[in-house]
Amino acid sequence: MQDLGIFSFLCCVLCIYSVFREWQILSHWIFAASILLLLGSIILSGLEINKSTKAIKVKLSDIEKLNGATIFNFLKKMMNKLNYQIFLGYWFYNFYHT
């Protein structure tokens, strides 16, 4: 993926030079090659990101099986505790101000 990106930028530099030298036909071909290399680099990057995401999901599912807890259960417990604290604060406020 990174090699394709490097070659794409190299083609861009060569294209700029060929435009400077007024080699129009050559500059068109080099620019087309640059675009194709950049497109290939972007596609490979997307595939690598997809593969990495799947690997992280597998690793996280293994960790959740070992711990027996999920992040959602943790967040639910924290929200319940927060709601209880909000209720107590509201109750004490009303008790002392009425």
Protein backbone atom coordinates (compact mmCIF):
# COMPACT_ATOMS: atom_id res chain seq x y z
CA MET A 1 0.00 0.00 0.00
CA GLN A 2 2.69 2.48 0.97
CA ASP A 3 4.84 1.55 -2.02
CA LEU A 4 1.97 2.39 -4.36
CA GLY A 5 1.55 5.76 -2.65
CA ILE A 6 5.26 6.51 -3.00
CA PHE A 7 5.24 5.60 -6.70
CA SER A 8 2.13 7.72 -7.16
CA PHE A 9 3.89 10.79 -5.74
CA LEU A 10 6.96 10.03 -7.83
CA CYS A 11 4.74 9.97 -10.91
CA CYS A 12 3.25 13.30 -9.86
CA VAL A 13 6.72 14.84 -9.74
CA LEU A 14 7.59 13.35 -13.14
CA CYS A 15 4.28 14.64 -14.51
CA ILE A 16 5.02 18.15 -13.30
CA TYR A 17 8.45 17.97 -14.90
CA SER A 18 7.00 16.72 -18.19
CA VAL A 19 4.44 19.55 -18.17
CA PHE A 20 7.30 22.00 -17.55
CA ARG A 21 9.19 20.55 -20.52
CA GLU A 22 5.94 20.70 -22.56
CA TRP A 23 5.82 16.96 -23.23
CA GLN A 24 2.02 16.84 -23.25
CA ILE A 25 1.46 13.24 -24.35
CA LEU A 26 3.99 11.87 -21.87
CA SER A 27 2.55 14.01 -19.07
CA HIS A 28 -0.94 12.61 -19.75
CA TRP A 29 0.31 9.01 -19.47
CA ILE A 30 2.33 9.71 -16.34
CA PHE A 31 -0.62 11.49 -14.73
CA ALA A 32 -2.91 8.53 -15.56
CA ALA A 33 -0.38 6.14 -14.02
CA SER A 34 -0.19 8.35 -10.93
CA ILE A 35 -3.97 8.33 -10.51
CA LEU A 36 -4.15 4.54 -10.93
CA LEU A 37 -1.36 3.99 -8.40
CA LEU A 38 -3.06 6.31 -5.92
CA LEU A 39 -6.37 4.51 -6.42
CA GLY A 40 -4.66 1.16 -5.81
CA SER A 41 -3.06 2.55 -2.66
CA ILE A 42 -6.41 3.78 -1.34
CA ILE A 43 -8.09 0.43 -2.06
CA LEU A 44 -5.33 -1.52 -0.31
CA SER A 45 -5.51 0.89 2.62
CA GLY A 46 -9.25 0.25 2.95
CA LEU A 47 -8.69 -3.51 2.85
CA GLU A 48 -6.01 -3.27 5.54
CA ILE A 49 -8.27 -1.17 7.76
CA ASN A 50 -11.07 -3.72 7.32
CA LYS A 51 -8.75 -6.60 8.22
CA SER A 52 -7.45 -4.73 11.28
CA THR A 53 -10.98 -3.97 12.46
CA LYS A 54 -11.93 -7.64 12.24
CA ALA A 55 -8.79 -8.64 14.15
CA ILE A 56 -9.57 -6.15 16.92
CA LYS A 57 -13.15 -7.46 17.18
CA VAL A 58 -11.86 -11.03 17.53
CA LYS A 59 -9.35 -9.99 20.19
CA LEU A 60 -11.96 -8.00 22.14
CA SER A 61 -14.44 -10.87 22.02
CA ASP A 62 -11.76 -13.17 23.46
CA ILE A 63 -11.07 -10.70 26.27
CA GLU A 64 -14.80 -10.33 27.04
CA LYS A 65 -15.16 -14.13 27.24
CA LEU A 66 -12.29 -14.28 29.72
CA ASN A 67 -13.58 -11.45 31.90
CA GLY A 68 -17.26 -12.31 31.63
CA ALA A 69 -18.09 -8.62 31.45
CA THR A 70 -18.67 -6.25 28.63
CA ILE A 71 -18.24 -2.54 28.37
CA PHE A 72 -22.01 -2.22 28.09
CA ASN A 73 -22.56 -3.88 31.47
CA PHE A 74 -19.99 -1.54 33.00
CA LEU A 75 -21.68 1.51 31.49
CA LYS A 76 -25.09 0.30 32.67
CA LYS A 77 -23.81 -0.04 36.23
CA MET A 78 -22.28 3.43 36.09
CA MET A 79 -25.49 4.95 34.76
CA ASN A 80 -27.55 3.26 37.48
CA LYS A 81 -25.17 4.62 40.12
CA LEU A 82 -25.31 8.09 38.54
CA ASN A 83 -29.14 8.03 38.41
CA TYR A 84 -29.24 6.99 42.08
CA GLN A 85 -26.93 9.88 43.01
CA ILE A 86 -29.04 12.33 41.02
CA PHE A 87 -32.18 11.03 42.79
CA LEU A 88 -30.58 11.43 46.22
CA GLY A 89 -29.41 14.94 45.38
CA TYR A 90 -32.89 15.89 44.20
CA TRP A 91 -34.47 14.38 47.33
CA PHE A 92 -32.07 16.16 49.72
CA TYR A 93 -32.52 19.43 47.87
CA ASN A 94 -36.31 19.22 48.15
CA PHE A 95 -36.14 18.04 51.75
CA TYR A 96 -34.02 20.95 52.92
CA HIS A 97 -35.63 23.65 50.79
CA THR A 98 -39.28 22.97 51.51
